[in-house]
N, C-alpha and C. Protein backbone atom coordinates (compact mmCIF):
# COMPACT_ATOMS: atom_id res chain seq x y z
N MET A 1 14.84 -24.12 -24.53
CA MET A 1 13.89 -23.02 -24.53
C MET A 1 12.50 -23.46 -24.12
N ARG A 2 12.15 -24.72 -24.42
CA ARG A 2 10.82 -25.19 -24.03
C ARG A 2 10.65 -25.15 -22.53
N LEU A 3 11.72 -25.47 -21.82
CA LEU A 3 11.67 -25.41 -20.36
C LEU A 3 11.36 -24.00 -19.88
N LEU A 4 11.99 -23.03 -20.50
CA LEU A 4 11.75 -21.63 -20.11
C LEU A 4 10.33 -21.19 -20.42
N ASN A 5 9.72 -21.74 -21.46
CA ASN A 5 8.33 -21.41 -21.78
C ASN A 5 7.38 -21.81 -20.67
N HIS A 6 7.76 -22.82 -19.89
CA HIS A 6 6.92 -23.23 -18.76
C HIS A 6 6.94 -22.21 -17.63
N LEU A 7 7.88 -21.29 -17.67
CA LEU A 7 7.94 -20.24 -16.65
C LEU A 7 7.00 -19.07 -16.94
N ARG A 8 6.41 -19.03 -18.13
CA ARG A 8 5.56 -17.91 -18.51
C ARG A 8 4.44 -17.62 -17.50
N PRO A 9 3.70 -18.62 -17.02
CA PRO A 9 2.66 -18.31 -16.03
C PRO A 9 3.21 -17.65 -14.77
N PHE A 10 4.41 -18.05 -14.36
CA PHE A 10 5.01 -17.45 -13.17
C PHE A 10 5.51 -16.03 -13.45
N GLY A 11 6.03 -15.82 -14.66
CA GLY A 11 6.44 -14.47 -15.04
C GLY A 11 5.28 -13.50 -15.04
N LEU A 12 4.14 -13.95 -15.60
CA LEU A 12 2.95 -13.09 -15.61
C LEU A 12 2.42 -12.87 -14.19
N LEU A 13 2.50 -13.89 -13.37
CA LEU A 13 2.07 -13.76 -11.97
C LEU A 13 2.93 -12.70 -11.26
N VAL A 14 4.24 -12.77 -11.44
CA VAL A 14 5.14 -11.80 -10.81
C VAL A 14 4.82 -10.38 -11.30
N LEU A 15 4.65 -10.21 -12.62
CA LEU A 15 4.31 -8.88 -13.15
C LEU A 15 3.03 -8.35 -12.52
N ARG A 16 2.00 -9.21 -12.47
CA ARG A 16 0.70 -8.78 -11.93
C ARG A 16 0.79 -8.43 -10.46
N VAL A 17 1.42 -9.29 -9.67
CA VAL A 17 1.45 -9.09 -8.22
C VAL A 17 2.29 -7.87 -7.85
N VAL A 18 3.44 -7.71 -8.48
CA VAL A 18 4.30 -6.56 -8.17
C VAL A 18 3.63 -5.27 -8.61
N LEU A 19 3.11 -5.23 -9.84
CA LEU A 19 2.42 -4.04 -10.30
C LEU A 19 1.21 -3.75 -9.42
N GLY A 20 0.45 -4.78 -9.10
CA GLY A 20 -0.72 -4.61 -8.24
C GLY A 20 -0.36 -4.04 -6.88
N ALA A 21 0.72 -4.55 -6.28
CA ALA A 21 1.14 -4.06 -4.96
C ALA A 21 1.56 -2.59 -5.02
N VAL A 22 2.29 -2.22 -6.06
CA VAL A 22 2.70 -0.81 -6.21
C VAL A 22 1.48 0.08 -6.40
N LEU A 23 0.54 -0.36 -7.23
CA LEU A 23 -0.67 0.43 -7.46
C LEU A 23 -1.52 0.55 -6.20
N ILE A 24 -1.65 -0.54 -5.45
CA ILE A 24 -2.42 -0.50 -4.20
C ILE A 24 -1.81 0.52 -3.24
N ALA A 25 -0.49 0.49 -3.11
CA ALA A 25 0.18 1.43 -2.20
C ALA A 25 -0.03 2.88 -2.62
N HIS A 26 0.08 3.16 -3.91
CA HIS A 26 -0.12 4.53 -4.39
C HIS A 26 -1.58 4.94 -4.27
N GLY A 27 -2.48 4.04 -4.62
CA GLY A 27 -3.91 4.36 -4.55
C GLY A 27 -4.41 4.50 -3.12
N GLU A 28 -3.87 3.69 -2.22
CA GLU A 28 -4.29 3.75 -0.81
C GLU A 28 -3.99 5.12 -0.23
N GLY A 29 -2.82 5.63 -0.52
CA GLY A 29 -2.46 6.96 -0.02
C GLY A 29 -3.37 8.05 -0.54
N LYS A 30 -3.83 7.89 -1.77
CA LYS A 30 -4.73 8.88 -2.36
C LYS A 30 -6.15 8.72 -1.83
N LEU A 31 -6.65 7.49 -1.77
CA LEU A 31 -8.03 7.25 -1.36
C LEU A 31 -8.26 7.52 0.12
N PHE A 32 -7.33 7.07 0.96
CA PHE A 32 -7.57 7.09 2.40
C PHE A 32 -6.74 8.12 3.16
N GLY A 33 -5.94 8.90 2.45
CA GLY A 33 -5.14 9.87 3.16
C GLY A 33 -5.05 11.22 2.48
N GLY A 34 -5.40 11.27 1.21
CA GLY A 34 -5.21 12.52 0.52
C GLY A 34 -6.08 12.68 -0.70
N LEU A 35 -7.33 12.27 -0.60
CA LEU A 35 -8.21 12.34 -1.77
C LEU A 35 -8.48 13.78 -2.18
N HIS A 36 -8.74 14.63 -1.21
CA HIS A 36 -9.02 16.03 -1.56
C HIS A 36 -7.79 16.70 -2.20
N PRO A 37 -6.61 16.58 -1.62
CA PRO A 37 -5.45 17.18 -2.30
C PRO A 37 -5.20 16.58 -3.69
N HIS A 38 -5.46 15.28 -3.84
CA HIS A 38 -5.24 14.66 -5.14
C HIS A 38 -6.22 15.20 -6.19
N THR A 39 -7.50 15.30 -5.82
CA THR A 39 -8.47 15.83 -6.79
C THR A 39 -8.18 17.29 -7.10
N ALA A 40 -7.72 18.05 -6.11
CA ALA A 40 -7.36 19.44 -6.35
C ALA A 40 -6.15 19.53 -7.29
N PHE A 41 -5.19 18.64 -7.12
CA PHE A 41 -4.03 18.61 -8.01
C PHE A 41 -4.44 18.28 -9.43
N VAL A 42 -5.32 17.31 -9.58
CA VAL A 42 -5.80 16.94 -10.91
C VAL A 42 -6.47 18.15 -11.57
N ALA A 43 -7.22 18.89 -10.80
CA ALA A 43 -7.88 20.09 -11.34
C ALA A 43 -6.86 21.14 -11.80
N THR A 44 -5.74 21.25 -11.10
CA THR A 44 -4.72 22.22 -11.51
C THR A 44 -4.07 21.83 -12.84
N LEU A 45 -4.22 20.58 -13.23
CA LEU A 45 -3.67 20.12 -14.51
C LEU A 45 -4.61 20.40 -15.67
N GLY A 46 -5.76 21.02 -15.36
CA GLY A 46 -6.72 21.36 -16.41
C GLY A 46 -7.71 20.25 -16.69
N MET A 47 -7.80 19.29 -15.81
CA MET A 47 -8.75 18.18 -15.97
C MET A 47 -9.83 18.32 -14.91
N PRO A 48 -11.00 17.71 -15.15
CA PRO A 48 -12.05 17.76 -14.13
C PRO A 48 -11.59 17.09 -12.83
N ALA A 49 -11.95 17.65 -11.70
CA ALA A 49 -11.52 17.12 -10.41
C ALA A 49 -11.98 15.68 -10.20
N TRP A 50 -13.12 15.31 -10.78
CA TRP A 50 -13.62 13.94 -10.57
C TRP A 50 -12.65 12.89 -11.14
N MET A 51 -11.79 13.31 -12.05
CA MET A 51 -10.82 12.36 -12.58
C MET A 51 -9.80 11.94 -11.51
N GLY A 52 -9.67 12.75 -10.48
CA GLY A 52 -8.82 12.37 -9.34
C GLY A 52 -9.39 11.16 -8.62
N TYR A 53 -10.71 11.13 -8.47
CA TYR A 53 -11.36 9.96 -7.87
C TYR A 53 -11.13 8.73 -8.75
N LEU A 54 -11.27 8.95 -10.05
CA LEU A 54 -11.10 7.85 -11.00
C LEU A 54 -9.67 7.29 -10.95
N SER A 55 -8.68 8.18 -10.91
CA SER A 55 -7.30 7.70 -10.89
C SER A 55 -6.97 7.00 -9.58
N ALA A 56 -7.43 7.52 -8.46
CA ALA A 56 -7.18 6.87 -7.17
C ALA A 56 -7.85 5.50 -7.12
N GLY A 57 -9.08 5.42 -7.61
CA GLY A 57 -9.79 4.14 -7.64
C GLY A 57 -9.15 3.15 -8.59
N THR A 58 -8.69 3.65 -9.73
CA THR A 58 -8.00 2.77 -10.68
C THR A 58 -6.77 2.15 -10.04
N GLU A 59 -6.01 2.96 -9.33
CA GLU A 59 -4.80 2.45 -8.71
C GLU A 59 -5.13 1.45 -7.59
N PHE A 60 -5.98 1.84 -6.67
CA PHE A 60 -6.24 0.97 -5.51
C PHE A 60 -7.01 -0.29 -5.89
N PHE A 61 -8.19 -0.11 -6.48
CA PHE A 61 -9.02 -1.28 -6.81
C PHE A 61 -8.46 -2.06 -8.00
N GLY A 62 -7.87 -1.33 -8.95
CA GLY A 62 -7.21 -2.00 -10.07
C GLY A 62 -6.04 -2.85 -9.59
N GLY A 63 -5.30 -2.34 -8.62
CA GLY A 63 -4.20 -3.12 -8.05
C GLY A 63 -4.68 -4.41 -7.41
N ILE A 64 -5.78 -4.33 -6.70
CA ILE A 64 -6.37 -5.53 -6.09
C ILE A 64 -6.77 -6.53 -7.17
N LEU A 65 -7.41 -6.04 -8.21
CA LEU A 65 -7.82 -6.93 -9.31
C LEU A 65 -6.62 -7.55 -10.01
N LEU A 66 -5.54 -6.80 -10.17
CA LEU A 66 -4.34 -7.36 -10.80
C LEU A 66 -3.73 -8.46 -9.95
N VAL A 67 -3.65 -8.27 -8.65
CA VAL A 67 -3.11 -9.30 -7.78
C VAL A 67 -3.93 -10.58 -7.92
N ALA A 68 -5.23 -10.44 -8.01
CA ALA A 68 -6.11 -11.61 -8.16
C ALA A 68 -6.10 -12.15 -9.58
N GLY A 69 -5.68 -11.34 -10.52
CA GLY A 69 -5.73 -11.76 -11.92
C GLY A 69 -7.14 -11.76 -12.46
N LEU A 70 -7.91 -10.76 -12.08
CA LEU A 70 -9.31 -10.65 -12.48
C LEU A 70 -9.51 -9.36 -13.29
N PHE A 71 -10.09 -9.50 -14.47
CA PHE A 71 -10.28 -8.36 -15.39
C PHE A 71 -8.94 -7.70 -15.73
N THR A 72 -7.92 -8.53 -15.85
CA THR A 72 -6.55 -8.04 -16.01
C THR A 72 -6.38 -7.13 -17.22
N ARG A 73 -6.93 -7.53 -18.35
CA ARG A 73 -6.74 -6.71 -19.55
C ARG A 73 -7.45 -5.37 -19.44
N PHE A 74 -8.63 -5.35 -18.84
CA PHE A 74 -9.36 -4.09 -18.67
C PHE A 74 -8.62 -3.16 -17.71
N VAL A 75 -8.13 -3.72 -16.61
CA VAL A 75 -7.36 -2.92 -15.66
C VAL A 75 -6.08 -2.43 -16.33
N GLY A 76 -5.45 -3.29 -17.11
CA GLY A 76 -4.24 -2.89 -17.83
C GLY A 76 -4.46 -1.71 -18.75
N ILE A 77 -5.60 -1.70 -19.43
CA ILE A 77 -5.93 -0.57 -20.30
C ILE A 77 -6.09 0.71 -19.47
N ALA A 78 -6.83 0.61 -18.37
CA ALA A 78 -7.06 1.78 -17.52
C ALA A 78 -5.75 2.32 -16.95
N VAL A 79 -4.88 1.42 -16.49
CA VAL A 79 -3.60 1.85 -15.91
C VAL A 79 -2.69 2.43 -17.00
N THR A 80 -2.70 1.83 -18.17
CA THR A 80 -1.90 2.37 -19.27
C THR A 80 -2.31 3.80 -19.58
N ILE A 81 -3.61 4.03 -19.69
CA ILE A 81 -4.11 5.38 -19.97
C ILE A 81 -3.74 6.34 -18.84
N GLU A 82 -3.94 5.90 -17.60
CA GLU A 82 -3.62 6.76 -16.46
C GLU A 82 -2.14 7.14 -16.45
N MET A 83 -1.27 6.18 -16.72
CA MET A 83 0.16 6.47 -16.70
C MET A 83 0.58 7.36 -17.86
N LEU A 84 -0.05 7.20 -19.02
CA LEU A 84 0.26 8.11 -20.14
C LEU A 84 -0.13 9.55 -19.78
N VAL A 85 -1.26 9.70 -19.11
CA VAL A 85 -1.67 11.03 -18.66
C VAL A 85 -0.65 11.57 -17.65
N ALA A 86 -0.24 10.73 -16.70
CA ALA A 86 0.75 11.16 -15.70
C ALA A 86 2.06 11.57 -16.36
N ILE A 87 2.49 10.80 -17.35
CA ILE A 87 3.74 11.13 -18.04
C ILE A 87 3.62 12.47 -18.74
N PHE A 88 2.59 12.63 -19.55
CA PHE A 88 2.49 13.82 -20.39
C PHE A 88 2.02 15.06 -19.65
N LYS A 89 1.20 14.90 -18.61
CA LYS A 89 0.68 16.07 -17.90
C LYS A 89 1.56 16.50 -16.73
N VAL A 90 2.33 15.56 -16.15
CA VAL A 90 3.05 15.87 -14.92
C VAL A 90 4.56 15.73 -15.05
N HIS A 91 5.03 14.59 -15.54
CA HIS A 91 6.44 14.24 -15.39
C HIS A 91 7.34 14.51 -16.59
N LEU A 92 6.80 14.61 -17.78
CA LEU A 92 7.63 14.70 -18.98
C LEU A 92 8.61 15.88 -18.94
N LYS A 93 8.14 16.99 -18.42
CA LYS A 93 8.98 18.20 -18.38
C LYS A 93 10.21 18.02 -17.49
N ASN A 94 10.18 17.02 -16.59
CA ASN A 94 11.30 16.78 -15.68
C ASN A 94 12.34 15.81 -16.25
N GLY A 95 12.06 15.26 -17.42
CA GLY A 95 13.00 14.30 -18.02
C GLY A 95 12.79 12.90 -17.45
N LEU A 96 13.54 11.98 -17.98
CA LEU A 96 13.40 10.58 -17.58
C LEU A 96 13.69 10.38 -16.10
N ILE A 97 14.77 10.92 -15.61
CA ILE A 97 15.19 10.70 -14.22
C ILE A 97 14.72 11.80 -13.29
N GLY A 98 14.59 13.02 -13.78
CA GLY A 98 14.19 14.14 -12.95
C GLY A 98 15.38 14.77 -12.27
N GLY A 99 15.12 15.49 -11.23
CA GLY A 99 16.18 16.16 -10.48
C GLY A 99 15.71 16.42 -9.06
N PRO A 100 16.47 17.18 -8.31
CA PRO A 100 16.09 17.46 -6.92
C PRO A 100 14.68 18.07 -6.83
N GLY A 101 13.80 17.40 -6.14
CA GLY A 101 12.44 17.90 -5.96
C GLY A 101 11.52 17.72 -7.14
N HIS A 102 11.99 17.08 -8.21
CA HIS A 102 11.17 16.89 -9.41
C HIS A 102 11.31 15.45 -9.89
N GLU A 103 10.22 14.70 -9.79
CA GLU A 103 10.25 13.31 -10.23
C GLU A 103 10.23 13.22 -11.75
N GLY A 104 11.07 12.38 -12.28
CA GLY A 104 11.06 12.12 -13.71
C GLY A 104 9.93 11.16 -14.05
N TYR A 105 9.91 10.74 -15.30
CA TYR A 105 8.82 9.87 -15.73
C TYR A 105 9.22 8.40 -15.77
N GLN A 106 10.34 8.02 -15.13
CA GLN A 106 10.77 6.63 -15.19
C GLN A 106 9.77 5.67 -14.54
N LEU A 107 9.23 5.99 -13.37
CA LEU A 107 8.28 5.09 -12.72
C LEU A 107 6.96 4.99 -13.50
N PRO A 108 6.34 6.11 -13.90
CA PRO A 108 5.12 5.97 -14.70
C PRO A 108 5.36 5.23 -16.01
N LEU A 109 6.55 5.39 -16.59
CA LEU A 109 6.86 4.69 -17.84
C LEU A 109 6.96 3.18 -17.60
N LEU A 110 7.61 2.78 -16.52
CA LEU A 110 7.69 1.35 -16.18
C LEU A 110 6.31 0.76 -15.91
N VAL A 111 5.51 1.48 -15.14
CA VAL A 111 4.15 1.02 -14.83
C VAL A 111 3.34 0.90 -16.12
N CYS A 112 3.47 1.88 -16.99
CA CYS A 112 2.76 1.88 -18.27
C CYS A 112 3.17 0.68 -19.11
N ALA A 113 4.46 0.41 -19.19
CA ALA A 113 4.96 -0.71 -19.99
C ALA A 113 4.48 -2.05 -19.45
N ILE A 114 4.50 -2.21 -18.14
CA ILE A 114 4.03 -3.46 -17.54
C ILE A 114 2.53 -3.62 -17.76
N ALA A 115 1.78 -2.54 -17.55
CA ALA A 115 0.32 -2.61 -17.74
C ALA A 115 -0.01 -2.95 -19.18
N PHE A 116 0.68 -2.32 -20.14
CA PHE A 116 0.42 -2.62 -21.54
C PHE A 116 0.80 -4.07 -21.88
N SER A 117 1.87 -4.56 -21.28
CA SER A 117 2.25 -5.96 -21.48
C SER A 117 1.14 -6.89 -21.00
N LEU A 118 0.54 -6.57 -19.88
CA LEU A 118 -0.56 -7.40 -19.37
C LEU A 118 -1.79 -7.30 -20.26
N VAL A 119 -2.00 -6.14 -20.89
CA VAL A 119 -3.10 -6.01 -21.85
C VAL A 119 -2.88 -6.99 -23.00
N SER A 120 -1.66 -7.02 -23.51
CA SER A 120 -1.40 -7.85 -24.68
C SER A 120 -1.23 -9.32 -24.36
N LEU A 121 -0.72 -9.65 -23.18
CA LEU A 121 -0.45 -11.05 -22.83
C LEU A 121 -1.56 -11.70 -22.00
N GLY A 122 -2.35 -10.90 -21.31
CA GLY A 122 -3.35 -11.45 -20.42
C GLY A 122 -2.74 -11.80 -19.07
N ALA A 123 -3.56 -12.37 -18.21
CA ALA A 123 -3.15 -12.65 -16.83
C ALA A 123 -2.34 -13.92 -16.68
N GLY A 124 -2.46 -14.82 -17.63
CA GLY A 124 -1.77 -16.10 -17.51
C GLY A 124 -2.63 -17.14 -16.80
N SER A 125 -2.09 -18.33 -16.71
CA SER A 125 -2.88 -19.46 -16.19
C SER A 125 -2.98 -19.49 -14.67
N ILE A 126 -2.21 -18.66 -13.97
CA ILE A 126 -2.32 -18.58 -12.51
C ILE A 126 -3.11 -17.31 -12.20
N SER A 127 -4.40 -17.35 -12.50
CA SER A 127 -5.24 -16.16 -12.32
C SER A 127 -6.71 -16.55 -12.29
N LEU A 128 -7.50 -15.63 -11.77
CA LEU A 128 -8.95 -15.83 -11.79
C LEU A 128 -9.49 -15.67 -13.20
N ASP A 129 -8.87 -14.84 -14.02
CA ASP A 129 -9.29 -14.73 -15.42
C ASP A 129 -9.25 -16.11 -16.09
N TRP A 130 -8.17 -16.82 -15.89
CA TRP A 130 -7.99 -18.15 -16.49
C TRP A 130 -9.02 -19.12 -15.92
N LEU A 131 -9.21 -19.06 -14.61
CA LEU A 131 -10.14 -19.96 -13.93
C LEU A 131 -11.57 -19.76 -14.46
N PHE A 132 -11.93 -18.52 -14.74
CA PHE A 132 -13.28 -18.22 -15.20
C PHE A 132 -13.41 -18.24 -16.72
N GLY A 133 -12.47 -18.88 -17.40
CA GLY A 133 -12.63 -19.10 -18.83
C GLY A 133 -11.84 -18.19 -19.73
N GLY A 134 -10.86 -17.46 -19.19
CA GLY A 134 -10.08 -16.57 -20.01
C GLY A 134 -9.16 -17.26 -21.00
N HIS A 135 -9.06 -18.57 -20.92
CA HIS A 135 -8.16 -19.31 -21.81
C HIS A 135 -8.89 -19.95 -22.98
N LYS A 136 -10.20 -19.90 -22.99
CA LYS A 136 -10.96 -20.56 -24.06
C LYS A 136 -10.70 -19.88 -25.39
N GLY A 137 -10.63 -20.67 -26.42
CA GLY A 137 -10.43 -20.15 -27.76
C GLY A 137 -8.97 -19.95 -28.11
N ARG A 138 -8.07 -20.35 -27.23
CA ARG A 138 -6.63 -20.22 -27.51
C ARG A 138 -6.08 -21.58 -27.88
N GLY A 139 -5.11 -21.59 -28.78
CA GLY A 139 -4.53 -22.82 -29.26
C GLY A 139 -3.67 -23.52 -28.29
């Protein structure tokens, strides 16, 4: 088991990079191709339209930060909150898997779980957080 413990930094790296890439792809489409429709959709959910800008920025720029492993826990908190809102405001009524033309909440739930895991575990030793002192004070 000690050998497997040495894989932890790589496991955290994989979680960060994959989650970051997915978030960048989703955020890029909102920021650079559909910001107005996205903010209008957010408004139809009963939230202020400016939260659409916030969610698109969280996904795109947060994804970049996750890939780099910078401010990982803060981004993880923001993504966790965003995904909980997506689950409860948009996808929950469609069930876990959804159906024809209706996305379920499986993807937001996975993203939420990974983001929360990064909040609790941190970025790991292969990250800018670690390089800039994120490991100090740990045993």
